[in-house]
Amino acid sequence: VARALFEMCLKNGHASAALKFLRLAKSCDHRFWWFQSPLRAFDDLKKNVFVALENEKVSSEEGYTTFEKTVSLLDLVPEEVGQMCHCFRDGALIQKKIRLLPRVKCTCTVHPITKNTLRFSIELEPIFNWSARYHGGAEGFWLWVEDS
């Protein structure tokens, strides 16, 4: 149902509603909410890792989402990650799992063709480690442009 509502919103040009329904549909698919730690996708991590990361309060002024907050753990050394997650010996394992989270680097150049037409050249570069166990045969990403 959420996927159908997402596609209806997308077709009718309601990007903000489409984003909300996409988050809901992906949450149903992955069996955890978008505001929870994305590390919940890995069943071989201990539960206290998720609890520790989700209990960290991040102010909305910083603009962090749980995904960005989780990826920022790569800037720390494994011992600090283990200490932060209350899993002292598993800091390196947690960072290994973070590197498996699907992320892309998007580079876009815009070229005007006419007064009302633009040409977009978009280059997407994966910046994550591939694992067939977690990603399957392919990993999909949504990219849409909204005229606002």
C-alpha atoms as a PDB file:
ATOM      1  CA  VAL A   1       0.000   0.000   0.000  1.00  0.00           C
ATOM      2  CA  ALA A   2       2.792   2.427   0.927  1.00  0.00           C
ATOM      3  CA  ARG A   3       4.627   1.667  -2.315  1.00  0.00           C
ATOM      4  CA  ALA A   4       1.454   2.316  -4.342  1.00  0.00           C
ATOM      5  CA  LEU A   5       0.855   5.626  -2.538  1.00  0.00           C
ATOM      6  CA  PHE A   6       4.489   6.560  -3.194  1.00  0.00           C
ATOM      7  CA  GLU A   7       4.098   5.915  -6.917  1.00  0.00           C
ATOM      8  CA  MET A   8       0.819   7.854  -7.032  1.00  0.00           C
ATOM      9  CA  CYS A   9       2.456  10.871  -5.355  1.00  0.00           C
ATOM     10  CA  LEU A  10       5.455  10.624  -7.641  1.00  0.00           C
ATOM     11  CA  LYS A  11       3.264  10.457 -10.741  1.00  0.00           C
ATOM     12  CA  ASN A  12       1.239  13.482  -9.618  1.00  0.00           C
ATOM     13  CA  GLY A  13       4.358  15.548  -8.848  1.00  0.00           C
ATOM     14  CA  HIS A  14       4.070  15.652  -5.044  1.00  0.00           C
ATOM     15  CA  ALA A  15       7.733  15.127  -4.163  1.00  0.00           C
ATOM     16  CA  SER A  16       7.527  15.782  -0.411  1.00  0.00           C
ATOM     17  CA  ALA A  17       4.632  13.342   0.053  1.00  0.00           C
ATOM     18  CA  ALA A  18       6.405  10.830  -2.218  1.00  0.00           C
ATOM     19  CA  LEU A  19       9.491  10.990   0.009  1.00  0.00           C
ATOM     20  CA  LYS A  20       7.404  10.250   3.105  1.00  0.00           C
ATOM     21  CA  PHE A  21       5.681   7.278   1.478  1.00  0.00           C
ATOM     22  CA  LEU A  22       9.017   5.993   0.136  1.00  0.00           C
ATOM     23  CA  ARG A  23      10.442   6.066   3.679  1.00  0.00           C
ATOM     24  CA  LEU A  24       7.376   4.205   4.930  1.00  0.00           C
ATOM     25  CA  ALA A  25       7.581   1.594   2.148  1.00  0.00           C
ATOM     26  CA  LYS A  26      11.299   1.030   2.724  1.00  0.00           C
ATOM     27  CA  SER A  27      10.659   0.713   6.459  1.00  0.00           C
ATOM     28  CA  CYS A  28       8.117  -2.035   5.777  1.00  0.00           C
ATOM     29  CA  ASP A  29      10.551  -3.802   3.423  1.00  0.00           C
ATOM     30  CA  HIS A  30      13.534  -3.629   5.799  1.00  0.00           C
ATOM     31  CA  ARG A  31      11.463  -4.166   8.969  1.00  0.00           C
ATOM     32  CA  PHE A  32      12.797  -1.185  10.882  1.00  0.00           C
ATOM     33  CA  TRP A  33      11.755   2.471  10.916  1.00  0.00           C
ATOM     34  CA  TRP A  34      13.681   5.166   9.023  1.00  0.00           C
ATOM     35  CA  PHE A  35      14.489   6.950  12.282  1.00  0.00           C
ATOM     36  CA  GLN A  36      16.152   3.849  13.740  1.00  0.00           C
ATOM     37  CA  SER A  37      19.776   2.944  13.166  1.00  0.00           C
ATOM     38  CA  PRO A  38      20.427   1.505   9.693  1.00  0.00           C
ATOM     39  CA  LEU A  39      22.718  -1.029  11.369  1.00  0.00           C
ATOM     40  CA  ARG A  40      19.538  -2.933  12.273  1.00  0.00           C
ATOM     41  CA  ALA A  41      19.784  -4.448   8.792  1.00  0.00           C
ATOM     42  CA  PHE A  42      22.669  -6.606  10.041  1.00  0.00           C
ATOM     43  CA  ASP A  43      21.500  -9.508  12.162  1.00  0.00           C
ATOM     44  CA  ASP A  44      24.974 -10.399  13.444  1.00  0.00           C
ATOM     45  CA  LEU A  45      25.397  -7.248  15.565  1.00  0.00           C
ATOM     46  CA  LYS A  46      24.432  -7.190  19.220  1.00  0.00           C
ATOM     47  CA  LYS A  47      21.227  -5.415  20.225  1.00  0.00           C
ATOM     48  CA  ASN A  48      23.002  -3.051  22.611  1.00  0.00           C
ATOM     49  CA  VAL A  49      24.747  -1.473  19.582  1.00  0.00           C
ATOM     50  CA  PHE A  50      21.376  -0.303  18.225  1.00  0.00           C
ATOM     51  CA  VAL A  51      20.127   0.808  21.613  1.00  0.00           C
ATOM     52  CA  ALA A  52      23.272   2.848  22.316  1.00  0.00           C
ATOM     53  CA  LEU A  53      23.204   4.563  18.922  1.00  0.00           C
ATOM     54  CA  GLU A  54      19.473   5.279  19.015  1.00  0.00           C
ATOM     55  CA  ASN A  55      19.609   6.666  22.548  1.00  0.00           C
ATOM     56  CA  GLU A  56      22.206   9.260  21.526  1.00  0.00           C
ATOM     57  CA  LYS A  57      20.331  12.537  21.360  1.00  0.00           C
ATOM     58  CA  VAL A  58      21.108  14.605  18.295  1.00  0.00           C
ATOM     59  CA  SER A  59      19.642  18.072  18.040  1.00  0.00           C
ATOM     60  CA  SER A  60      17.648  18.817  14.932  1.00  0.00           C
ATOM     61  CA  GLU A  61      19.699  21.989  14.497  1.00  0.00           C
ATOM     62  CA  GLU A  62      22.702  19.871  13.504  1.00  0.00           C
ATOM     63  CA  GLY A  63      20.643  18.438  10.647  1.00  0.00           C
ATOM     64  CA  TYR A  64      21.771  14.859  11.194  1.00  0.00           C
ATOM     65  CA  THR A  65      19.675  11.886  10.267  1.00  0.00           C
ATOM     66  CA  THR A  66      20.320   8.495  11.800  1.00  0.00           C
ATOM     67  CA  PHE A  67      22.042   7.418   8.576  1.00  0.00           C
ATOM     68  CA  GLU A  68      24.449  10.378   8.584  1.00  0.00           C
ATOM     69  CA  LYS A  69      25.064   9.909  12.286  1.00  0.00           C
ATOM     70  CA  THR A  70      25.895   6.234  11.756  1.00  0.00           C
ATOM     71  CA  VAL A  71      28.229   6.964   8.826  1.00  0.00           C
ATOM     72  CA  SER A  72      30.016   9.601  10.934  1.00  0.00           C
ATOM     73  CA  LEU A  73      31.263   6.734  13.145  1.00  0.00           C
ATOM     74  CA  LEU A  74      33.776   5.959  10.377  1.00  0.00           C
ATOM     75  CA  ASP A  75      35.676   9.100  11.431  1.00  0.00           C
ATOM     76  CA  LEU A  76      36.453   7.530  14.815  1.00  0.00           C
ATOM     77  CA  VAL A  77      38.948   4.812  15.673  1.00  0.00           C
ATOM     78  CA  PRO A  78      37.438   1.343  16.318  1.00  0.00           C
ATOM     79  CA  GLU A  79      38.064   1.564  20.072  1.00  0.00           C
ATOM     80  CA  GLU A  80      36.010   4.771  20.294  1.00  0.00           C
ATOM     81  CA  VAL A  81      33.193   3.227  18.271  1.00  0.00           C
ATOM     82  CA  GLY A  82      33.171   0.187  20.533  1.00  0.00           C
ATOM     83  CA  GLN A  83      33.095   2.373  23.621  1.00  0.00           C
ATOM     84  CA  MET A  84      30.308   4.543  22.218  1.00  0.00           C
ATOM     85  CA  CYS A  85      28.202   1.472  21.355  1.00  0.00           C
ATOM     86  CA  HIS A  86      28.893  -0.285  24.681  1.00  0.00           C
ATOM     87  CA  CYS A  87      30.455  -3.136  22.737  1.00  0.00           C
ATOM     88  CA  PHE A  88      34.158  -2.618  23.435  1.00  0.00           C
ATOM     89  CA  ARG A  89      35.621  -5.454  21.351  1.00  0.00           C
ATOM     90  CA  ASP A  90      33.352  -4.988  18.331  1.00  0.00           C
ATOM     91  CA  GLY A  91      34.349  -1.485  17.183  1.00  0.00           C
ATOM     92  CA  ALA A  92      36.082  -2.792  14.053  1.00  0.00           C
ATOM     93  CA  LEU A  93      33.118  -5.070  13.224  1.00  0.00           C
ATOM     94  CA  ILE A  94      30.682  -2.158  13.600  1.00  0.00           C
ATOM     95  CA  GLN A  95      32.787  -0.026  11.256  1.00  0.00           C
ATOM     96  CA  LYS A  96      32.943  -2.906   8.770  1.00  0.00           C
ATOM     97  CA  LYS A  97      29.135  -3.072   8.770  1.00  0.00           C
ATOM     98  CA  ILE A  98      28.883   0.710   8.348  1.00  0.00           C
ATOM     99  CA  ARG A  99      31.043   0.436   5.217  1.00  0.00           C
ATOM    100  CA  LEU A 100      28.403  -1.965   3.814  1.00  0.00           C
ATOM    101  CA  LEU A 101      25.614   0.656   4.070  1.00  0.00           C
ATOM    102  CA  PRO A 102      24.634   1.718   0.531  1.00  0.00           C
ATOM    103  CA  ARG A 103      25.775   5.258  -0.238  1.00  0.00           C
ATOM    104  CA  VAL A 104      26.501   7.099  -3.459  1.00  0.00           C
ATOM    105  CA  LYS A 105      28.426  10.223  -4.322  1.00  0.00           C
ATOM    106  CA  CYS A 106      26.372  12.324  -6.716  1.00  0.00           C
ATOM    107  CA  THR A 107      27.986  14.847  -9.057  1.00  0.00           C
ATOM    108  CA  CYS A 108      25.675  16.951 -11.186  1.00  0.00           C
ATOM    109  CA  THR A 109      26.328  19.529 -13.873  1.00  0.00           C
ATOM    110  CA  VAL A 110      23.540  21.572 -15.432  1.00  0.00           C
ATOM    111  CA  HIS A 111      23.681  22.913 -18.974  1.00  0.00           C
ATOM    112  CA  PRO A 112      20.992  25.262 -20.292  1.00  0.00           C
ATOM    113  CA  ILE A 113      19.733  24.246 -23.732  1.00  0.00           C
ATOM    114  CA  THR A 114      16.874  26.690 -24.233  1.00  0.00           C
ATOM    115  CA  LYS A 115      15.030  29.152 -22.009  1.00  0.00           C
ATOM    116  CA  ASN A 116      12.805  26.379 -20.626  1.00  0.00           C
ATOM    117  CA  THR A 117      15.031  23.310 -21.016  1.00  0.00           C
ATOM    118  CA  LEU A 118      18.022  22.156 -18.993  1.00  0.00           C
ATOM    119  CA  ARG A 119      20.325  19.209 -19.562  1.00  0.00           C
ATOM    120  CA  PHE A 120      21.500  17.403 -16.446  1.00  0.00           C
ATOM    121  CA  SER A 121      24.654  15.320 -16.477  1.00  0.00           C
ATOM    122  CA  ILE A 122      24.613  13.157 -13.378  1.00  0.00           C
ATOM    123  CA  GLU A 123      27.444  10.916 -12.263  1.00  0.00           C
ATOM    124  CA  LEU A 124      26.811   8.446  -9.456  1.00  0.00           C
ATOM    125  CA  GLU A 125      29.719   6.737  -7.739  1.00  0.00           C
ATOM    126  CA  PRO A 126      29.187   4.007  -5.135  1.00  0.00           C
ATOM    127  CA  ILE A 127      31.080   4.613  -1.905  1.00  0.00           C
ATOM    128  CA  PHE A 128      30.293   1.412  -0.043  1.00  0.00           C
ATOM    129  CA  ASN A 129      31.578  -2.144   0.059  1.00  0.00           C
ATOM    130  CA  TRP A 130      29.452  -4.622  -1.881  1.00  0.00           C
ATOM    131  CA  SER A 131      28.242  -7.827  -0.249  1.00  0.00           C
ATOM    132  CA  ALA A 132      25.893 -10.193  -2.066  1.00  0.00           C
ATOM    133  CA  ARG A 133      24.667 -11.425   1.316  1.00  0.00           C
ATOM    134  CA  TYR A 134      23.224  -8.028   2.242  1.00  0.00           C
ATOM    135  CA  HIS A 135      22.700  -6.308  -1.109  1.00  0.00           C
ATOM    136  CA  GLY A 136      21.532  -9.210  -3.244  1.00  0.00           C
ATOM    137  CA  GLY A 137      22.068  -8.967  -6.983  1.00  0.00           C
ATOM    138  CA  ALA A 138      21.416  -5.234  -7.307  1.00  0.00           C
ATOM    139  CA  GLU A 139      20.926  -2.133  -5.189  1.00  0.00           C
ATOM    140  CA  GLY A 140      18.348   0.422  -6.297  1.00  0.00           C
ATOM    141  CA  PHE A 141      18.435   4.177  -5.711  1.00  0.00           C
ATOM    142  CA  TRP A 142      15.785   6.794  -6.413  1.00  0.00           C
ATOM    143  CA  LEU A 143      16.818  10.075  -7.989  1.00  0.00           C
ATOM    144  CA  TRP A 144      14.262  12.685  -8.901  1.00  0.00           C
ATOM    145  CA  VAL A 145      14.415  16.351  -9.776  1.00  0.00           C
ATOM    146  CA  GLU A 146      11.743  18.737  -8.575  1.00  0.00           C
ATOM    147  CA  ASP A 147      10.966  22.107 -10.106  1.00  0.00           C
ATOM    148  CA  SER A 148      10.266  24.387  -7.157  1.00  0.00           C
END
